[in-house]
Amino acid sequence: MYRCNLSFDQLEEYLSFLSERGLISQTFSEEDMHAIFWTTPRGVEFLKKYEGLKEIVDVDTDQKLYSTIS
């Protein structure tokens, strides 16, 4: 959350979005009762396809979208 510069509400929204689509799953650590999120096989497939699309369009993800359009 902190490394991504997200608020707790944003994080919850994103995790819910990914979970509802079967891209991640959630378990709980019995030791410290923290949520642990795992990428599902469908999520791994999505990431592979996303990487392939980035190669096709040759997009630098660190670059702002508007600067590639103008």
C-alpha atoms as a PDB file:
ATOM      1  CA  MET A   1       0.000   0.000   0.000  1.00  0.00           C
ATOM      2  CA  TYR A   2       2.682   2.489   0.997  1.00  0.00           C
ATOM      3  CA  ARG A   3       5.154   1.601  -1.740  1.00  0.00           C
ATOM      4  CA  CYS A   4       2.359   2.020  -4.306  1.00  0.00           C
ATOM      5  CA  ASN A   5       1.295   5.335  -2.770  1.00  0.00           C
ATOM      6  CA  LEU A   6      -2.296   4.122  -2.328  1.00  0.00           C
ATOM      7  CA  SER A   7      -4.811   4.950   0.332  1.00  0.00           C
ATOM      8  CA  PHE A   8      -6.454   2.090   2.206  1.00  0.00           C
ATOM      9  CA  ASP A   9      -9.717   2.716   0.322  1.00  0.00           C
ATOM     10  CA  GLN A  10      -7.943   2.557  -3.048  1.00  0.00           C
ATOM     11  CA  LEU A  11      -6.167  -0.634  -2.025  1.00  0.00           C
ATOM     12  CA  GLU A  12      -9.433  -2.276  -0.981  1.00  0.00           C
ATOM     13  CA  GLU A  13     -11.054  -1.281  -4.285  1.00  0.00           C
ATOM     14  CA  TYR A  14      -8.199  -2.716  -6.355  1.00  0.00           C
ATOM     15  CA  LEU A  15      -7.998  -5.934  -4.343  1.00  0.00           C
ATOM     16  CA  SER A  16     -11.761  -6.400  -4.636  1.00  0.00           C
ATOM     17  CA  PHE A  17     -11.605  -5.782  -8.402  1.00  0.00           C
ATOM     18  CA  LEU A  18      -8.816  -8.342  -8.878  1.00  0.00           C
ATOM     19  CA  SER A  19     -10.413 -10.885  -6.557  1.00  0.00           C
ATOM     20  CA  GLU A  20     -13.849 -10.672  -8.215  1.00  0.00           C
ATOM     21  CA  ARG A  21     -12.211 -11.436 -11.556  1.00  0.00           C
ATOM     22  CA  GLY A  22     -10.293 -14.411 -10.221  1.00  0.00           C
ATOM     23  CA  LEU A  23      -6.857 -12.840 -10.691  1.00  0.00           C
ATOM     24  CA  ILE A  24      -5.872 -13.054  -7.019  1.00  0.00           C
ATOM     25  CA  SER A  25      -6.980 -15.096  -4.032  1.00  0.00           C
ATOM     26  CA  GLN A  26      -6.750 -14.362  -0.335  1.00  0.00           C
ATOM     27  CA  THR A  27      -5.775 -16.456   2.662  1.00  0.00           C
ATOM     28  CA  PHE A  28      -5.008 -15.526   6.250  1.00  0.00           C
ATOM     29  CA  SER A  29      -1.860 -16.148   8.217  1.00  0.00           C
ATOM     30  CA  GLU A  30      -2.801 -18.016  11.373  1.00  0.00           C
ATOM     31  CA  GLU A  31       0.329 -16.763  13.139  1.00  0.00           C
ATOM     32  CA  ASP A  32      -0.303 -13.030  12.902  1.00  0.00           C
ATOM     33  CA  MET A  33      -3.811 -12.865  11.361  1.00  0.00           C
ATOM     34  CA  HIS A  34      -2.680 -10.886   8.320  1.00  0.00           C
ATOM     35  CA  ALA A  35      -4.226 -11.278   4.897  1.00  0.00           C
ATOM     36  CA  ILE A  36      -1.995 -12.909   2.299  1.00  0.00           C
ATOM     37  CA  PHE A  37      -2.794 -12.455  -1.385  1.00  0.00           C
ATOM     38  CA  TRP A  38      -1.721 -14.911  -4.084  1.00  0.00           C
ATOM     39  CA  THR A  39      -1.777 -14.577  -7.833  1.00  0.00           C
ATOM     40  CA  THR A  40      -4.075 -17.249  -9.245  1.00  0.00           C
ATOM     41  CA  PRO A  41      -3.243 -19.255 -12.384  1.00  0.00           C
ATOM     42  CA  ARG A  42      -5.666 -16.975 -14.238  1.00  0.00           C
ATOM     43  CA  GLY A  43      -3.795 -13.963 -12.826  1.00  0.00           C
ATOM     44  CA  VAL A  44      -0.454 -15.362 -14.010  1.00  0.00           C
ATOM     45  CA  GLU A  45      -1.957 -15.902 -17.478  1.00  0.00           C
ATOM     46  CA  PHE A  46      -3.178 -12.293 -17.473  1.00  0.00           C
ATOM     47  CA  LEU A  47       0.288 -10.991 -16.518  1.00  0.00           C
ATOM     48  CA  LYS A  48       1.934 -12.983 -19.310  1.00  0.00           C
ATOM     49  CA  LYS A  49      -0.536 -11.630 -21.868  1.00  0.00           C
ATOM     50  CA  TYR A  50      -0.097  -8.106 -20.524  1.00  0.00           C
ATOM     51  CA  GLU A  51       3.681  -8.367 -20.940  1.00  0.00           C
ATOM     52  CA  GLY A  52       3.135  -9.576 -24.511  1.00  0.00           C
ATOM     53  CA  LEU A  53       0.887  -6.610 -25.265  1.00  0.00           C
ATOM     54  CA  LYS A  54       3.470  -4.199 -23.878  1.00  0.00           C
ATOM     55  CA  GLU A  55       6.035  -5.660 -26.268  1.00  0.00           C
ATOM     56  CA  ILE A  56       3.660  -5.353 -29.226  1.00  0.00           C
ATOM     57  CA  VAL A  57       2.877  -1.681 -28.621  1.00  0.00           C
ATOM     58  CA  ASP A  58       6.388  -0.936 -27.371  1.00  0.00           C
ATOM     59  CA  VAL A  59       5.205   1.054 -24.371  1.00  0.00           C
ATOM     60  CA  ASP A  60       7.522   2.180 -21.605  1.00  0.00           C
ATOM     61  CA  THR A  61       5.287   1.822 -18.541  1.00  0.00           C
ATOM     62  CA  ASP A  62       7.321   4.442 -16.680  1.00  0.00           C
ATOM     63  CA  GLN A  63       6.437   7.023 -19.328  1.00  0.00           C
ATOM     64  CA  LYS A  64       3.182   8.968 -19.048  1.00  0.00           C
ATOM     65  CA  LEU A  65       0.533   7.987 -21.596  1.00  0.00           C
ATOM     66  CA  TYR A  66      -0.175  11.546 -22.685  1.00  0.00           C
ATOM     67  CA  SER A  67       3.452  12.102 -23.669  1.00  0.00           C
ATOM     68  CA  THR A  68       3.315   9.162 -26.113  1.00  0.00           C
ATOM     69  CA  ILE A  69       0.131  10.476 -27.728  1.00  0.00           C
ATOM     70  CA  SER A  70       1.162  14.109 -28.250  1.00  0.00           C
END
